[in-house]
Every structure is written in structure tokens, then in C-alpha cells.
Amino acid sequence: MQLPEGATQSQRTDSTLVKALARAFRWKRMLESGEFATIAELAEQEGIAPSYMTRVLRLTLLGPDIVEAILDGKQGPEVTLARVLEPFPLAWQQQVSHFSL
């Protein structure tokens, strides 16, 4: 399907992705502040598996352009929570290619 000329596609923020980003940065702040000494300790407090927390914490390594695209709903359909929880390149430029942005 093609949009009429001059029409813009509506943006749709993925609330699942936004929530995961918010959790990741909140958990990172809690660890960095010393509120919790280890990921295992924080995961226990949050009632989740340490392995899941580690995968979500990795979202704090996403480049700022990708984080902004997710928050603005401009990340594209190929950027899903399942996909960003898989291993991705650490270099921001490679992340853009990896996520097809």
C-alpha cells in the first residue's frame, strides 16, 4: 500500500520498547548509585531473573539516535523488543546498520 503524495505516515510509539528502555536506565542508575551491589541482588528485589535483567540493561548501550528513534516512534517495524534484546554491535554506527535505521 502506498500513501498519497504528500501524506505522512503516522508515528506509533512502541510502549513495550519504551518501557524496557526506561527500566534499563532506571536499573543502571540504581546499580551505579550503589543502591544495589550486584545485578543478582537487584534482580531479586525486582522479582525477575538476572539473565533477563542483563539483557535489558544492555539497552543502555544503544546509541542516542536509536534511543531517540524508539522514543519518537520512528524506529521502524524491524526494531522490536525481541530484536533489541538479542546481541547487537557496541559501536553506534554499526548499530544503525544492524537495526536498518
N, C-alpha and C. Protein backbone atom coordinates (compact mmCIF):
# COMPACT_ATOMS: atom_id res chain seq x y z
N MET A 1 0.84 -1.17 0.00
CA MET A 1 0.00 0.00 0.00
C MET A 1 0.89 1.23 0.00
N GLN A 2 0.54 2.21 -0.79
CA GLN A 2 1.28 3.45 -0.85
C GLN A 2 0.42 4.58 -0.33
N LEU A 3 1.07 5.50 0.39
CA LEU A 3 0.37 6.67 0.86
C LEU A 3 0.24 7.67 -0.27
N PRO A 4 -0.81 8.48 -0.27
CA PRO A 4 -0.93 9.52 -1.28
C PRO A 4 0.26 10.48 -1.19
N GLU A 5 0.58 11.10 -2.31
CA GLU A 5 1.71 12.02 -2.34
C GLU A 5 1.49 13.15 -1.33
N GLY A 6 2.51 13.41 -0.55
CA GLY A 6 2.44 14.46 0.45
C GLY A 6 1.90 14.01 1.80
N ALA A 7 1.34 12.81 1.86
CA ALA A 7 0.83 12.30 3.14
C ALA A 7 1.98 11.74 3.96
N THR A 8 1.89 11.89 5.25
CA THR A 8 2.93 11.36 6.13
C THR A 8 2.37 10.18 6.91
N GLN A 9 3.22 9.21 7.11
CA GLN A 9 2.83 8.04 7.87
C GLN A 9 2.79 8.40 9.35
N SER A 10 1.74 7.97 10.03
CA SER A 10 1.63 8.29 11.45
C SER A 10 2.70 7.52 12.23
N GLN A 11 3.20 8.16 13.27
CA GLN A 11 4.21 7.53 14.10
C GLN A 11 3.51 6.78 15.21
N ARG A 12 4.06 5.64 15.54
CA ARG A 12 3.45 4.86 16.62
C ARG A 12 4.55 4.43 17.57
N THR A 13 4.51 4.95 18.76
CA THR A 13 5.49 4.61 19.77
C THR A 13 5.20 3.20 20.29
N ASP A 14 6.23 2.38 20.34
CA ASP A 14 6.11 1.02 20.85
C ASP A 14 6.27 1.08 22.37
N SER A 15 5.16 1.02 23.09
CA SER A 15 5.20 1.18 24.55
C SER A 15 6.02 0.09 25.23
N THR A 16 6.08 -1.09 24.65
CA THR A 16 6.88 -2.17 25.23
C THR A 16 8.36 -1.82 25.17
N LEU A 17 8.79 -1.29 24.03
CA LEU A 17 10.19 -0.87 23.89
C LEU A 17 10.51 0.30 24.82
N VAL A 18 9.62 1.27 24.88
CA VAL A 18 9.84 2.44 25.73
C VAL A 18 9.94 2.01 27.20
N LYS A 19 9.06 1.11 27.61
CA LYS A 19 9.09 0.62 28.99
C LYS A 19 10.40 -0.11 29.28
N ALA A 20 10.86 -0.91 28.34
CA ALA A 20 12.13 -1.63 28.52
C ALA A 20 13.30 -0.65 28.63
N LEU A 21 13.30 0.39 27.81
CA LEU A 21 14.36 1.40 27.90
C LEU A 21 14.33 2.10 29.26
N ALA A 22 13.14 2.46 29.70
CA ALA A 22 13.01 3.13 30.99
C ALA A 22 13.51 2.25 32.12
N ARG A 23 13.14 0.97 32.07
CA ARG A 23 13.63 0.03 33.10
C ARG A 23 15.15 -0.08 33.06
N ALA A 24 15.69 -0.20 31.87
CA ALA A 24 17.14 -0.37 31.72
C ALA A 24 17.89 0.80 32.35
N PHE A 25 17.46 2.02 32.02
CA PHE A 25 18.17 3.19 32.55
C PHE A 25 17.92 3.37 34.05
N ARG A 26 16.74 2.99 34.52
CA ARG A 26 16.46 3.04 35.96
C ARG A 26 17.34 2.05 36.69
N TRP A 27 17.43 0.81 36.20
CA TRP A 27 18.26 -0.20 36.84
C TRP A 27 19.73 0.20 36.81
N LYS A 28 20.17 0.76 35.70
CA LYS A 28 21.57 1.19 35.60
C LYS A 28 21.86 2.25 36.66
N ARG A 29 20.94 3.20 36.82
CA ARG A 29 21.12 4.26 37.81
C ARG A 29 21.16 3.66 39.23
N MET A 30 20.32 2.66 39.50
CA MET A 30 20.30 2.03 40.82
C MET A 30 21.61 1.29 41.11
N LEU A 31 22.17 0.66 40.08
CA LEU A 31 23.44 -0.04 40.26
C LEU A 31 24.59 0.95 40.42
N GLU A 32 24.60 1.99 39.59
CA GLU A 32 25.70 2.97 39.65
C GLU A 32 25.69 3.77 40.95
N SER A 33 24.52 3.98 41.52
CA SER A 33 24.42 4.76 42.76
C SER A 33 24.87 3.96 43.98
N GLY A 34 24.99 2.63 43.80
CA GLY A 34 25.38 1.79 44.92
C GLY A 34 24.18 1.30 45.73
N GLU A 35 22.98 1.66 45.28
CA GLU A 35 21.77 1.19 45.97
C GLU A 35 21.73 -0.34 46.01
N PHE A 36 22.22 -0.96 44.94
CA PHE A 36 22.35 -2.41 44.87
C PHE A 36 23.76 -2.71 44.41
N ALA A 37 24.38 -3.70 45.04
CA ALA A 37 25.78 -4.01 44.75
C ALA A 37 25.94 -4.86 43.49
N THR A 38 24.95 -5.71 43.21
CA THR A 38 25.07 -6.62 42.07
C THR A 38 23.77 -6.69 41.29
N ILE A 39 23.88 -7.16 40.06
CA ILE A 39 22.69 -7.39 39.24
C ILE A 39 21.81 -8.44 39.89
N ALA A 40 22.42 -9.48 40.45
CA ALA A 40 21.65 -10.55 41.09
C ALA A 40 20.82 -10.00 42.25
N GLU A 41 21.39 -9.11 43.03
CA GLU A 41 20.69 -8.51 44.16
C GLU A 41 19.50 -7.66 43.68
N LEU A 42 19.73 -6.86 42.65
CA LEU A 42 18.68 -6.02 42.09
C LEU A 42 17.59 -6.87 41.44
N ALA A 43 17.99 -7.91 40.72
CA ALA A 43 17.02 -8.80 40.06
C ALA A 43 16.13 -9.47 41.10
N GLU A 44 16.72 -9.88 42.20
CA GLU A 44 15.93 -10.50 43.26
C GLU A 44 14.91 -9.50 43.81
N GLN A 45 15.35 -8.29 44.03
CA GLN A 45 14.45 -7.24 44.54
C GLN A 45 13.30 -6.97 43.56
N GLU A 46 13.61 -6.99 42.27
CA GLU A 46 12.61 -6.72 41.23
C GLU A 46 11.77 -7.95 40.90
N GLY A 47 12.20 -9.11 41.37
CA GLY A 47 11.45 -10.34 41.13
C GLY A 47 11.57 -10.88 39.72
N ILE A 48 12.74 -10.67 39.12
CA ILE A 48 12.97 -11.18 37.77
C ILE A 48 14.30 -11.93 37.73
N ALA A 49 14.51 -12.68 36.66
CA ALA A 49 15.74 -13.46 36.51
C ALA A 49 16.91 -12.53 36.19
N PRO A 50 18.07 -12.77 36.80
CA PRO A 50 19.25 -11.95 36.50
C PRO A 50 19.62 -11.96 35.01
N SER A 51 19.40 -13.09 34.33
CA SER A 51 19.75 -13.14 32.90
C SER A 51 18.88 -12.19 32.08
N TYR A 52 17.59 -12.08 32.43
CA TYR A 52 16.70 -11.14 31.74
C TYR A 52 17.13 -9.71 32.03
N MET A 53 17.45 -9.44 33.29
CA MET A 53 17.88 -8.09 33.65
C MET A 53 19.13 -7.70 32.89
N THR A 54 20.05 -8.63 32.73
CA THR A 54 21.28 -8.35 31.99
C THR A 54 20.97 -7.98 30.54
N ARG A 55 20.05 -8.72 29.92
CA ARG A 55 19.67 -8.42 28.53
C ARG A 55 19.02 -7.04 28.42
N VAL A 56 18.17 -6.71 29.38
CA VAL A 56 17.51 -5.40 29.34
C VAL A 56 18.53 -4.29 29.62
N LEU A 57 19.43 -4.51 30.56
CA LEU A 57 20.46 -3.50 30.85
C LEU A 57 21.32 -3.17 29.63
N ARG A 58 21.47 -4.14 28.74
CA ARG A 58 22.25 -3.91 27.53
C ARG A 58 21.65 -2.79 26.68
N LEU A 59 20.36 -2.49 26.85
CA LEU A 59 19.72 -1.43 26.09
C LEU A 59 20.34 -0.06 26.39
N THR A 60 21.00 0.06 27.54
CA THR A 60 21.66 1.32 27.87
C THR A 60 22.88 1.56 26.98
N LEU A 61 23.27 0.54 26.21
CA LEU A 61 24.42 0.67 25.29
C LEU A 61 23.98 1.08 23.89
N LEU A 62 22.67 1.22 23.67
CA LEU A 62 22.20 1.67 22.36
C LEU A 62 22.61 3.12 22.13
N GLY A 63 22.91 3.44 20.89
CA GLY A 63 23.28 4.80 20.53
C GLY A 63 22.14 5.77 20.78
N PRO A 64 22.47 7.03 21.06
CA PRO A 64 21.43 8.01 21.35
C PRO A 64 20.44 8.22 20.20
N ASP A 65 20.89 8.08 18.97
CA ASP A 65 19.98 8.22 17.83
C ASP A 65 18.94 7.11 17.81
N ILE A 66 19.34 5.91 18.19
CA ILE A 66 18.41 4.78 18.22
C ILE A 66 17.42 4.94 19.37
N VAL A 67 17.92 5.35 20.53
CA VAL A 67 17.04 5.58 21.67
C VAL A 67 16.01 6.65 21.32
N GLU A 68 16.46 7.73 20.70
CA GLU A 68 15.56 8.81 20.31
C GLU A 68 14.52 8.33 19.30
N ALA A 69 14.96 7.52 18.33
CA ALA A 69 14.02 6.98 17.33
C ALA A 69 12.95 6.14 18.00
N ILE A 70 13.34 5.33 18.98
CA ILE A 70 12.38 4.49 19.70
C ILE A 70 11.40 5.36 20.48
N LEU A 71 11.90 6.36 21.18
CA LEU A 71 11.03 7.23 21.97
C LEU A 71 10.08 8.04 21.10
N ASP A 72 10.53 8.38 19.88
CA ASP A 72 9.70 9.15 18.95
C ASP A 72 8.80 8.27 18.08
N GLY A 73 8.94 6.94 18.19
CA GLY A 73 8.14 6.04 17.38
C GLY A 73 8.61 5.96 15.94
N LYS A 74 9.88 6.28 15.69
CA LYS A 74 10.43 6.29 14.33
C LYS A 74 11.41 5.15 14.10
N GLN A 75 11.39 4.12 14.93
CA GLN A 75 12.38 3.06 14.86
C GLN A 75 12.15 2.06 13.73
N GLY A 76 10.98 2.03 13.16
CA GLY A 76 10.69 1.08 12.09
C GLY A 76 10.20 -0.25 12.64
N PRO A 77 9.49 -1.00 11.81
CA PRO A 77 8.86 -2.24 12.28
C PRO A 77 9.85 -3.36 12.62
N GLU A 78 11.07 -3.28 12.10
CA GLU A 78 12.04 -4.34 12.36
C GLU A 78 12.70 -4.20 13.73
N VAL A 79 12.52 -3.09 14.40
CA VAL A 79 13.10 -2.88 15.72
C VAL A 79 12.02 -3.22 16.76
N THR A 80 12.13 -4.43 17.28
CA THR A 80 11.18 -4.92 18.28
C THR A 80 11.93 -5.21 19.57
N LEU A 81 11.20 -5.41 20.64
CA LEU A 81 11.84 -5.72 21.91
C LEU A 81 12.65 -7.01 21.78
N ALA A 82 12.08 -8.01 21.15
CA ALA A 82 12.80 -9.28 20.99
C ALA A 82 14.11 -9.06 20.24
N ARG A 83 14.09 -8.22 19.23
CA ARG A 83 15.30 -7.98 18.43
C ARG A 83 16.35 -7.20 19.21
N VAL A 84 15.95 -6.19 19.97
CA VAL A 84 16.96 -5.41 20.71
C VAL A 84 17.49 -6.15 21.92
N LEU A 85 16.79 -7.18 22.37
CA LEU A 85 17.32 -7.98 23.48
C LEU A 85 18.34 -9.01 23.02
N GLU A 86 18.43 -9.21 21.70
CA GLU A 86 19.47 -10.09 21.16
C GLU A 86 20.78 -9.31 21.11
N PRO A 87 21.91 -10.01 21.08
CA PRO A 87 23.20 -9.29 21.00
C PRO A 87 23.24 -8.36 19.79
N PHE A 88 23.81 -7.19 19.99
CA PHE A 88 23.96 -6.21 18.91
C PHE A 88 25.34 -5.56 19.02
N PRO A 89 25.83 -4.94 17.93
CA PRO A 89 27.15 -4.32 17.98
C PRO A 89 27.20 -3.19 19.00
N LEU A 90 28.37 -2.98 19.58
CA LEU A 90 28.52 -1.90 20.55
C LEU A 90 28.74 -0.55 19.88
N ALA A 91 29.38 -0.55 18.72
CA ALA A 91 29.65 0.70 18.01
C ALA A 91 28.33 1.27 17.48
N TRP A 92 28.07 2.54 17.78
CA TRP A 92 26.80 3.15 17.42
C TRP A 92 26.54 3.12 15.91
N GLN A 93 27.56 3.38 15.11
CA GLN A 93 27.38 3.37 13.66
C GLN A 93 26.98 1.98 13.16
N GLN A 94 27.57 0.94 13.73
CA GLN A 94 27.20 -0.42 13.36
C GLN A 94 25.79 -0.78 13.83
N GLN A 95 25.37 -0.19 14.93
CA GLN A 95 24.01 -0.42 15.42
C GLN A 95 22.98 0.11 14.42
N VAL A 96 23.26 1.26 13.85
CA VAL A 96 22.34 1.84 12.85
C VAL A 96 22.16 0.87 11.69
N SER A 97 23.24 0.30 11.21
CA SER A 97 23.16 -0.69 10.12
C SER A 97 22.45 -1.95 10.60
N HIS A 98 22.82 -2.41 11.77
CA HIS A 98 22.25 -3.65 12.31
C HIS A 98 20.73 -3.56 12.43
N PHE A 99 20.23 -2.43 12.86
CA PHE A 99 18.79 -2.25 13.05
C PHE A 99 18.11 -1.62 11.84
N SER A 100 18.83 -1.47 10.75
CA SER A 100 18.28 -0.93 9.50
C SER A 100 17.63 0.44 9.66
N LEU A 101 18.33 1.32 10.36
CA LEU A 101 17.79 2.67 10.56
C LEU A 101 18.42 3.67 9.61
